[in-house]
Amino acid sequence: LSLVRCAYLFLRQGRREALSKLLAIVEQMRKDPRLRVGLFGHETLAYFTLHMVHYFISSSSWSLAQPFALFAEHCDRILDASLYRAYYSDALIHSKEART
């Protein structure tokens, strides 16, 4: 599952619960040496992704009862893997401080 999809599905249970679950997944992935997590195992990007998904939902009066595929079609910008670059420099996002 993508970080965006996880954020979308978890938001159905509320923002606090979604953040807790998303950060738990990030932590679990970082601890498993068998996984190559890349940007998925990144705490700052987890926060960013959840915030952006929540923003797109709120700003478009989107219902979380809708399937994720429809959300992805309606808000396709959220699937842009480089969206974070509009808000974070590569130097910052790849720093140790940003990962934890």
N, C-alpha and C. Protein backbone atom coordinates (compact mmCIF):
# COMPACT_ATOMS: atom_id res chain seq x y z
N LEU A 1 0.83 -1.19 0.00
CA LEU A 1 0.00 0.00 0.00
C LEU A 1 0.87 1.25 0.00
N SER A 2 0.39 2.26 -0.65
CA SER A 2 1.13 3.52 -0.65
C SER A 2 0.83 4.31 0.62
N LEU A 3 1.71 5.23 0.93
CA LEU A 3 1.52 6.09 2.09
C LEU A 3 0.23 6.90 1.95
N VAL A 4 -0.07 7.36 0.74
CA VAL A 4 -1.28 8.14 0.48
C VAL A 4 -2.52 7.28 0.74
N ARG A 5 -2.49 6.08 0.23
CA ARG A 5 -3.66 5.20 0.43
C ARG A 5 -3.85 4.86 1.91
N CYS A 6 -2.77 4.57 2.59
CA CYS A 6 -2.88 4.29 4.03
C CYS A 6 -3.47 5.49 4.76
N ALA A 7 -2.97 6.69 4.45
CA ALA A 7 -3.49 7.90 5.10
C ALA A 7 -4.99 8.04 4.83
N TYR A 8 -5.40 7.83 3.60
CA TYR A 8 -6.81 7.96 3.22
C TYR A 8 -7.68 6.97 4.01
N LEU A 9 -7.25 5.73 4.03
CA LEU A 9 -8.05 4.70 4.71
C LEU A 9 -8.06 4.92 6.22
N PHE A 10 -6.93 5.30 6.79
CA PHE A 10 -6.87 5.54 8.23
C PHE A 10 -7.68 6.75 8.66
N LEU A 11 -7.80 7.76 7.79
CA LEU A 11 -8.57 8.96 8.14
C LEU A 11 -10.05 8.65 8.35
N ARG A 12 -10.49 7.52 7.89
CA ARG A 12 -11.88 7.11 8.13
C ARG A 12 -12.14 6.92 9.62
N GLN A 13 -11.09 6.72 10.39
CA GLN A 13 -11.21 6.51 11.83
C GLN A 13 -10.90 7.78 12.63
N GLY A 14 -10.69 8.89 11.93
CA GLY A 14 -10.37 10.15 12.59
C GLY A 14 -8.91 10.51 12.42
N ARG A 15 -8.63 11.80 12.52
CA ARG A 15 -7.27 12.29 12.26
C ARG A 15 -6.25 11.79 13.28
N ARG A 16 -6.58 11.83 14.56
CA ARG A 16 -5.62 11.37 15.59
C ARG A 16 -5.31 9.89 15.43
N GLU A 17 -6.34 9.10 15.24
CA GLU A 17 -6.15 7.66 15.07
C GLU A 17 -5.35 7.38 13.79
N ALA A 18 -5.64 8.12 12.74
CA ALA A 18 -4.93 7.95 11.48
C ALA A 18 -3.45 8.24 11.65
N LEU A 19 -3.14 9.33 12.33
CA LEU A 19 -1.73 9.68 12.54
C LEU A 19 -1.03 8.62 13.37
N SER A 20 -1.65 8.15 14.41
CA SER A 20 -1.05 7.10 15.25
C SER A 20 -0.76 5.85 14.44
N LYS A 21 -1.71 5.43 13.64
CA LYS A 21 -1.53 4.21 12.84
C LYS A 21 -0.45 4.40 11.77
N LEU A 22 -0.47 5.55 11.13
CA LEU A 22 0.52 5.81 10.08
C LEU A 22 1.93 5.84 10.65
N LEU A 23 2.10 6.50 11.78
CA LEU A 23 3.43 6.56 12.40
C LEU A 23 3.86 5.19 12.92
N ALA A 24 2.91 4.38 13.37
CA ALA A 24 3.24 3.02 13.81
C ALA A 24 3.76 2.19 12.64
N ILE A 25 3.15 2.35 11.49
CA ILE A 25 3.61 1.62 10.30
C ILE A 25 5.00 2.09 9.89
N VAL A 26 5.22 3.39 9.91
CA VAL A 26 6.54 3.93 9.56
C VAL A 26 7.60 3.36 10.51
N GLU A 27 7.31 3.37 11.79
CA GLU A 27 8.26 2.84 12.79
C GLU A 27 8.51 1.35 12.58
N GLN A 28 7.47 0.61 12.33
CA GLN A 28 7.59 -0.83 12.10
C GLN A 28 8.45 -1.10 10.86
N MET A 29 8.25 -0.33 9.82
CA MET A 29 9.02 -0.53 8.60
C MET A 29 10.49 -0.16 8.79
N ARG A 30 10.74 0.88 9.57
CA ARG A 30 12.14 1.27 9.81
C ARG A 30 12.88 0.23 10.61
N LYS A 31 12.20 -0.48 11.47
CA LYS A 31 12.84 -1.48 12.34
C LYS A 31 13.09 -2.81 11.63
N ASP A 32 12.42 -3.05 10.54
CA ASP A 32 12.55 -4.34 9.84
C ASP A 32 13.67 -4.24 8.80
N PRO A 33 14.81 -4.87 9.06
CA PRO A 33 15.96 -4.76 8.15
C PRO A 33 15.72 -5.42 6.79
N ARG A 34 14.71 -6.25 6.69
CA ARG A 34 14.43 -6.92 5.41
C ARG A 34 13.73 -5.98 4.41
N LEU A 35 13.19 -4.89 4.91
CA LEU A 35 12.45 -3.98 4.05
C LEU A 35 13.32 -2.83 3.58
N ARG A 36 13.14 -2.47 2.37
CA ARG A 36 13.79 -1.28 1.82
C ARG A 36 12.70 -0.22 1.75
N VAL A 37 12.64 0.62 2.76
CA VAL A 37 11.47 1.49 2.94
C VAL A 37 11.55 2.81 2.19
N GLY A 38 12.72 3.30 1.89
CA GLY A 38 12.84 4.57 1.18
C GLY A 38 12.05 5.66 1.88
N LEU A 39 11.28 6.41 1.12
CA LEU A 39 10.52 7.52 1.68
C LEU A 39 9.29 7.06 2.44
N PHE A 40 8.89 5.79 2.30
CA PHE A 40 7.73 5.32 3.06
C PHE A 40 8.06 5.29 4.54
N GLY A 41 9.28 4.97 4.88
CA GLY A 41 9.67 4.90 6.29
C GLY A 41 10.19 6.23 6.80
N HIS A 42 9.47 7.27 6.56
CA HIS A 42 9.92 8.62 6.86
C HIS A 42 8.84 9.34 7.65
N GLU A 43 9.15 9.68 8.89
CA GLU A 43 8.14 10.27 9.79
C GLU A 43 7.62 11.62 9.29
N THR A 44 8.51 12.50 8.84
CA THR A 44 8.08 13.81 8.35
C THR A 44 7.16 13.66 7.15
N LEU A 45 7.51 12.76 6.25
CA LEU A 45 6.65 12.57 5.07
C LEU A 45 5.33 11.90 5.43
N ALA A 46 5.31 11.12 6.49
CA ALA A 46 4.05 10.55 6.95
C ALA A 46 3.12 11.66 7.43
N TYR A 47 3.66 12.57 8.26
CA TYR A 47 2.89 13.73 8.70
C TYR A 47 2.41 14.55 7.50
N PHE A 48 3.33 14.83 6.59
CA PHE A 48 3.01 15.64 5.41
C PHE A 48 1.91 15.00 4.58
N THR A 49 2.05 13.71 4.33
CA THR A 49 1.07 13.00 3.51
C THR A 49 -0.31 13.02 4.16
N LEU A 50 -0.36 12.72 5.45
CA LEU A 50 -1.64 12.74 6.15
C LEU A 50 -2.27 14.13 6.08
N HIS A 51 -1.47 15.14 6.31
CA HIS A 51 -1.97 16.52 6.26
C HIS A 51 -2.52 16.85 4.88
N MET A 52 -1.78 16.48 3.83
CA MET A 52 -2.22 16.80 2.47
C MET A 52 -3.48 16.04 2.08
N VAL A 53 -3.55 14.77 2.45
CA VAL A 53 -4.77 14.00 2.16
C VAL A 53 -5.95 14.64 2.89
N HIS A 54 -5.76 14.97 4.15
CA HIS A 54 -6.82 15.62 4.93
C HIS A 54 -7.21 16.96 4.30
N TYR A 55 -6.23 17.73 3.86
CA TYR A 55 -6.49 19.02 3.22
C TYR A 55 -7.32 18.83 1.94
N PHE A 56 -6.92 17.90 1.09
CA PHE A 56 -7.65 17.68 -0.16
C PHE A 56 -9.09 17.23 0.12
N ILE A 57 -9.25 16.39 1.13
CA ILE A 57 -10.60 15.92 1.49
C ILE A 57 -11.44 17.09 1.99
N SER A 58 -10.88 17.88 2.88
CA SER A 58 -11.62 19.00 3.47
C SER A 58 -11.94 20.09 2.46
N SER A 59 -10.97 20.42 1.63
CA SER A 59 -11.16 21.52 0.69
C SER A 59 -12.11 21.19 -0.45
N SER A 60 -12.32 19.92 -0.70
CA SER A 60 -13.22 19.53 -1.79
C SER A 60 -14.51 18.90 -1.27
N SER A 61 -14.72 18.96 0.03
CA SER A 61 -15.92 18.35 0.66
C SER A 61 -16.08 16.90 0.24
N TRP A 62 -14.97 16.20 0.22
CA TRP A 62 -14.94 14.80 -0.21
C TRP A 62 -15.41 13.90 0.92
N SER A 63 -16.16 12.88 0.59
CA SER A 63 -16.61 11.91 1.57
C SER A 63 -15.63 10.74 1.61
N LEU A 64 -15.18 10.41 2.80
CA LEU A 64 -14.26 9.27 2.97
C LEU A 64 -14.94 7.94 2.70
N ALA A 65 -16.25 7.96 2.53
CA ALA A 65 -16.96 6.73 2.19
C ALA A 65 -16.68 6.33 0.73
N GLN A 66 -16.20 7.29 -0.05
CA GLN A 66 -15.87 7.01 -1.45
C GLN A 66 -14.62 6.13 -1.52
N PRO A 67 -14.53 5.29 -2.54
CA PRO A 67 -13.34 4.44 -2.70
C PRO A 67 -12.09 5.30 -2.95
N PHE A 68 -10.96 4.77 -2.51
CA PHE A 68 -9.69 5.48 -2.70
C PHE A 68 -9.43 5.75 -4.18
N ALA A 69 -9.77 4.83 -5.07
CA ALA A 69 -9.51 5.00 -6.50
C ALA A 69 -10.19 6.27 -7.03
N LEU A 70 -11.41 6.54 -6.58
CA LEU A 70 -12.10 7.76 -7.02
C LEU A 70 -11.41 9.00 -6.46
N PHE A 71 -10.97 8.92 -5.22
CA PHE A 71 -10.23 10.02 -4.62
C PHE A 71 -8.96 10.30 -5.42
N ALA A 72 -8.26 9.26 -5.78
CA ALA A 72 -7.01 9.40 -6.54
C ALA A 72 -7.27 10.05 -7.90
N GLU A 73 -8.38 9.73 -8.52
CA GLU A 73 -8.74 10.37 -9.80
C GLU A 73 -9.10 11.83 -9.59
N HIS A 74 -9.86 12.10 -8.54
CA HIS A 74 -10.36 13.46 -8.27
C HIS A 74 -9.23 14.38 -7.80
N CYS A 75 -8.34 13.87 -6.99
CA CYS A 75 -7.24 14.66 -6.42
C CYS A 75 -5.91 14.05 -6.84
N ASP A 76 -5.68 13.96 -8.14
CA ASP A 76 -4.51 13.26 -8.63
C ASP A 76 -3.19 13.91 -8.22
N ARG A 77 -3.21 15.17 -7.88
CA ARG A 77 -1.97 15.85 -7.44
C ARG A 77 -1.39 15.20 -6.18
N ILE A 78 -2.25 14.64 -5.34
CA ILE A 78 -1.78 14.01 -4.10
C ILE A 78 -0.90 12.79 -4.39
N LEU A 79 -1.03 12.21 -5.57
CA LEU A 79 -0.23 11.04 -5.93
C LEU A 79 1.14 11.41 -6.50
N ASP A 80 1.39 12.70 -6.68
CA ASP A 80 2.67 13.16 -7.19
C ASP A 80 3.75 12.88 -6.14
N ALA A 81 4.66 11.99 -6.47
CA ALA A 81 5.69 11.57 -5.51
C ALA A 81 6.63 12.71 -5.13
N SER A 82 6.66 13.76 -5.91
CA SER A 82 7.54 14.89 -5.59
C SER A 82 6.77 16.08 -5.01
N LEU A 83 5.54 15.90 -4.60
CA LEU A 83 4.73 16.98 -4.04
C LEU A 83 5.43 17.62 -2.84
N TYR A 84 6.09 16.82 -2.04
CA TYR A 84 6.77 17.35 -0.85
C TYR A 84 7.81 18.39 -1.20
N ARG A 85 8.36 18.33 -2.41
CA ARG A 85 9.41 19.27 -2.81
C ARG A 85 8.92 20.71 -2.93
N ALA A 86 7.62 20.89 -3.00
CA ALA A 86 7.06 22.25 -3.00
C ALA A 86 7.15 22.87 -1.61
N TYR A 87 7.38 22.03 -0.59
CA TYR A 87 7.38 22.49 0.79
C TYR A 87 8.69 22.22 1.53
N TYR A 88 9.47 21.23 1.07
CA TYR A 88 10.71 20.84 1.73
C TYR A 88 11.84 20.78 0.71
N SER A 89 13.03 21.19 1.12
CA SER A 89 14.20 21.01 0.26
C SER A 89 14.65 19.55 0.37
N ASP A 90 15.36 19.08 -0.64
CA ASP A 90 15.89 17.72 -0.59
C ASP A 90 16.88 17.56 0.57
N ALA A 91 17.67 18.60 0.81
CA ALA A 91 18.65 18.53 1.91
C ALA A 91 17.93 18.34 3.24
N LEU A 92 16.83 19.05 3.44
CA LEU A 92 16.10 18.93 4.70
C LEU A 92 15.39 17.58 4.80
N ILE A 93 14.71 17.18 3.76
CA ILE A 93 13.90 15.96 3.83
C ILE A 93 14.76 14.71 3.97
N HIS A 94 15.99 14.76 3.47
CA HIS A 94 16.88 13.60 3.58
C HIS A 94 17.80 13.67 4.79
N SER A 95 17.61 14.68 5.62
CA SER A 95 18.43 14.78 6.84
C SER A 95 17.94 13.79 7.88
N LYS A 96 18.83 13.44 8.77
CA LYS A 96 18.48 12.51 9.86
C LYS A 96 17.35 13.08 10.72
N GLU A 97 17.39 14.38 10.98
CA GLU A 97 16.39 15.02 11.83
C GLU A 97 14.98 14.89 11.23
N ALA A 98 14.87 14.95 9.93
CA ALA A 98 13.56 14.88 9.29
C ALA A 98 12.99 13.46 9.30
N ARG A 99 13.86 12.48 9.39
CA ARG A 99 13.41 11.09 9.37
C ARG A 99 12.83 10.63 10.68
N THR A 100 13.16 11.30 11.78
CA THR A 100 12.67 10.85 13.08
C THR A 100 11.91 11.93 13.81
